[in-house]
Amino acid sequence: MTISSAQRNETIRWLILLTISSACPSGTHENALVPVIKSQYPDADLDEVRSNMEYLVRGGLILLDMSSTGPWFCMMRNEGMRFVYYATDVLPGIARPIKSPVQALSA
């Protein structure tokens, strides 16, 4: 099955958000994100992860400390947490799954 680059980026963005939310409240380095993304897309690289992180910054979901000499550090913003926990509407460009009936009951 072949997926489009748009679908791939949308899925990568969702995986980034899930990984950063797991690291809350402290945040995480991009070095922790790359293996997660590679588990879904083995050919993914750091530039692709960074590009998708920048998209999430523009959407107001995460904060980045973009060091020019070392790894980037990212933290979840409140809006990002609300999005991950289905407290806000779906945003374009992110492949958030539909809320399951089990999740709806626990909310």
C-alpha atoms as a PDB file:
ATOM      1  CA  MET A   1       0.000   0.000   0.000  1.00  0.00           C
ATOM      2  CA  THR A   2       1.374   3.377  -0.988  1.00  0.00           C
ATOM      3  CA  ILE A   3       0.567   6.486   0.999  1.00  0.00           C
ATOM      4  CA  SER A   4       0.903  10.055  -0.146  1.00  0.00           C
ATOM      5  CA  SER A   5       3.512  12.384   1.302  1.00  0.00           C
ATOM      6  CA  ALA A   6       0.662  14.422   2.830  1.00  0.00           C
ATOM      7  CA  GLN A   7      -0.683  11.351   4.650  1.00  0.00           C
ATOM      8  CA  ARG A   8       2.805  10.479   5.806  1.00  0.00           C
ATOM      9  CA  ASN A   9       3.403  13.989   7.205  1.00  0.00           C
ATOM     10  CA  GLU A  10       0.010  14.010   8.925  1.00  0.00           C
ATOM     11  CA  THR A  11       0.799  10.703  10.628  1.00  0.00           C
ATOM     12  CA  ILE A  12       4.290  11.856  11.615  1.00  0.00           C
ATOM     13  CA  ARG A  13       2.788  14.987  13.216  1.00  0.00           C
ATOM     14  CA  TRP A  14       0.362  12.877  15.249  1.00  0.00           C
ATOM     15  CA  LEU A  15       3.197  10.588  16.407  1.00  0.00           C
ATOM     16  CA  ILE A  16       5.270  13.610  17.409  1.00  0.00           C
ATOM     17  CA  LEU A  17       2.386  14.994  19.466  1.00  0.00           C
ATOM     18  CA  LEU A  18       1.785  11.648  21.196  1.00  0.00           C
ATOM     19  CA  THR A  19       5.468  11.272  22.032  1.00  0.00           C
ATOM     20  CA  ILE A  20       5.824  14.789  23.403  1.00  0.00           C
ATOM     21  CA  SER A  21       2.629  14.388  25.448  1.00  0.00           C
ATOM     22  CA  SER A  22       4.135  11.264  27.017  1.00  0.00           C
ATOM     23  CA  ALA A  23       7.139  13.344  28.092  1.00  0.00           C
ATOM     24  CA  CYS A  24       5.060  16.073  29.750  1.00  0.00           C
ATOM     25  CA  PRO A  25       5.613  18.185  31.646  1.00  0.00           C
ATOM     26  CA  SER A  26       9.358  18.111  31.010  1.00  0.00           C
ATOM     27  CA  GLY A  27       9.439  17.827  27.205  1.00  0.00           C
ATOM     28  CA  THR A  28      11.913  15.877  25.105  1.00  0.00           C
ATOM     29  CA  HIS A  29      14.767  16.090  22.621  1.00  0.00           C
ATOM     30  CA  GLU A  30      14.298  15.356  18.947  1.00  0.00           C
ATOM     31  CA  ASN A  31      16.601  12.361  19.484  1.00  0.00           C
ATOM     32  CA  ALA A  32      13.729  10.661  21.316  1.00  0.00           C
ATOM     33  CA  LEU A  33      11.291  11.433  18.491  1.00  0.00           C
ATOM     34  CA  VAL A  34      13.282  10.024  15.593  1.00  0.00           C
ATOM     35  CA  PRO A  35      13.147   6.351  16.718  1.00  0.00           C
ATOM     36  CA  VAL A  36       9.382   6.626  17.238  1.00  0.00           C
ATOM     37  CA  ILE A  37       8.901   7.990  13.725  1.00  0.00           C
ATOM     38  CA  LYS A  38      11.292   5.387  12.292  1.00  0.00           C
ATOM     39  CA  SER A  39       9.176   2.633  13.870  1.00  0.00           C
ATOM     40  CA  GLN A  40       6.389   3.656  11.474  1.00  0.00           C
ATOM     41  CA  TYR A  41       8.523   4.951   8.583  1.00  0.00           C
ATOM     42  CA  PRO A  42      11.986   3.335   8.605  1.00  0.00           C
ATOM     43  CA  ASP A  43      13.265   5.725   5.926  1.00  0.00           C
ATOM     44  CA  ALA A  44      12.392   8.854   7.959  1.00  0.00           C
ATOM     45  CA  ASP A  45      15.262  11.153   8.812  1.00  0.00           C
ATOM     46  CA  LEU A  46      15.974  14.020  11.178  1.00  0.00           C
ATOM     47  CA  ASP A  47      15.193  16.693   8.582  1.00  0.00           C
ATOM     48  CA  GLU A  48      11.732  15.225   8.016  1.00  0.00           C
ATOM     49  CA  VAL A  49      11.047  15.120  11.749  1.00  0.00           C
ATOM     50  CA  ARG A  50      12.246  18.714  12.151  1.00  0.00           C
ATOM     51  CA  SER A  51      10.094  19.913   9.272  1.00  0.00           C
ATOM     52  CA  ASN A  52       7.016  18.388  10.888  1.00  0.00           C
ATOM     53  CA  MET A  53       7.963  19.796  14.285  1.00  0.00           C
ATOM     54  CA  GLU A  54       8.110  23.263  12.712  1.00  0.00           C
ATOM     55  CA  TYR A  55       4.603  22.715  11.307  1.00  0.00           C
ATOM     56  CA  LEU A  56       3.349  21.971  14.823  1.00  0.00           C
ATOM     57  CA  VAL A  57       5.046  25.125  16.139  1.00  0.00           C
ATOM     58  CA  ARG A  58       3.273  27.210  13.489  1.00  0.00           C
ATOM     59  CA  GLY A  59       0.002  25.581  14.571  1.00  0.00           C
ATOM     60  CA  GLY A  60       0.636  26.649  18.178  1.00  0.00           C
ATOM     61  CA  LEU A  61       0.755  23.079  19.497  1.00  0.00           C
ATOM     62  CA  ILE A  62       4.384  22.769  20.612  1.00  0.00           C
ATOM     63  CA  LEU A  63       7.317  24.956  21.610  1.00  0.00           C
ATOM     64  CA  LEU A  64      10.807  24.396  20.234  1.00  0.00           C
ATOM     65  CA  ASP A  65      14.268  25.369  21.377  1.00  0.00           C
ATOM     66  CA  MET A  66      16.024  25.148  18.013  1.00  0.00           C
ATOM     67  CA  SER A  67      19.718  24.989  18.810  1.00  0.00           C
ATOM     68  CA  SER A  68      21.990  25.495  15.848  1.00  0.00           C
ATOM     69  CA  THR A  69      24.660  23.281  17.380  1.00  0.00           C
ATOM     70  CA  GLY A  70      22.763  20.542  19.167  1.00  0.00           C
ATOM     71  CA  PRO A  71      19.501  18.657  19.231  1.00  0.00           C
ATOM     72  CA  TRP A  72      16.227  20.542  19.287  1.00  0.00           C
ATOM     73  CA  PHE A  73      14.205  20.392  22.497  1.00  0.00           C
ATOM     74  CA  CYS A  74      10.416  20.422  22.340  1.00  0.00           C
ATOM     75  CA  MET A  75       7.620  20.894  24.839  1.00  0.00           C
ATOM     76  CA  MET A  76       3.881  20.612  24.513  1.00  0.00           C
ATOM     77  CA  ARG A  77       1.787  23.767  24.719  1.00  0.00           C
ATOM     78  CA  ASN A  78      -1.594  23.711  26.427  1.00  0.00           C
ATOM     79  CA  GLU A  79      -3.341  23.770  23.053  1.00  0.00           C
ATOM     80  CA  GLY A  80      -1.335  20.721  22.018  1.00  0.00           C
ATOM     81  CA  MET A  81      -2.387  18.815  25.127  1.00  0.00           C
ATOM     82  CA  ARG A  82      -6.036  19.714  24.531  1.00  0.00           C
ATOM     83  CA  PHE A  83      -5.685  18.458  20.963  1.00  0.00           C
ATOM     84  CA  VAL A  84      -4.078  15.149  22.001  1.00  0.00           C
ATOM     85  CA  TYR A  85      -6.792  14.584  24.627  1.00  0.00           C
ATOM     86  CA  TYR A  86      -9.589  15.343  22.127  1.00  0.00           C
ATOM     87  CA  ALA A  87     -10.692  18.493  23.954  1.00  0.00           C
ATOM     88  CA  THR A  88     -10.455  20.563  20.742  1.00  0.00           C
ATOM     89  CA  ASP A  89     -11.562  20.042  17.177  1.00  0.00           C
ATOM     90  CA  VAL A  90      -9.489  18.301  14.544  1.00  0.00           C
ATOM     91  CA  LEU A  91      -6.818  20.518  13.017  1.00  0.00           C
ATOM     92  CA  PRO A  92      -5.874  20.291   9.337  1.00  0.00           C
ATOM     93  CA  GLY A  93      -2.651  18.500   8.544  1.00  0.00           C
ATOM     94  CA  ILE A  94      -2.636  16.148  11.541  1.00  0.00           C
ATOM     95  CA  ALA A  95      -3.855  12.543  11.347  1.00  0.00           C
ATOM     96  CA  ARG A  96      -5.544  12.342  14.733  1.00  0.00           C
ATOM     97  CA  PRO A  97      -7.674   9.182  14.842  1.00  0.00           C
ATOM     98  CA  ILE A  98     -11.400   9.437  15.429  1.00  0.00           C
ATOM     99  CA  LYS A  99     -12.229   9.246  19.123  1.00  0.00           C
ATOM    100  CA  SER A 100     -13.198   5.695  20.008  1.00  0.00           C
ATOM    101  CA  PRO A 101     -16.348   4.890  22.017  1.00  0.00           C
ATOM    102  CA  VAL A 102     -14.109   3.852  24.946  1.00  0.00           C
ATOM    103  CA  GLN A 103     -12.369   7.216  24.901  1.00  0.00           C
ATOM    104  CA  ALA A 104     -15.725   8.993  24.722  1.00  0.00           C
ATOM    105  CA  LEU A 105     -16.934   7.170  27.845  1.00  0.00           C
ATOM    106  CA  SER A 106     -13.806   8.047  29.813  1.00  0.00           C
ATOM    107  CA  ALA A 107     -13.879  11.746  28.890  1.00  0.00           C
END
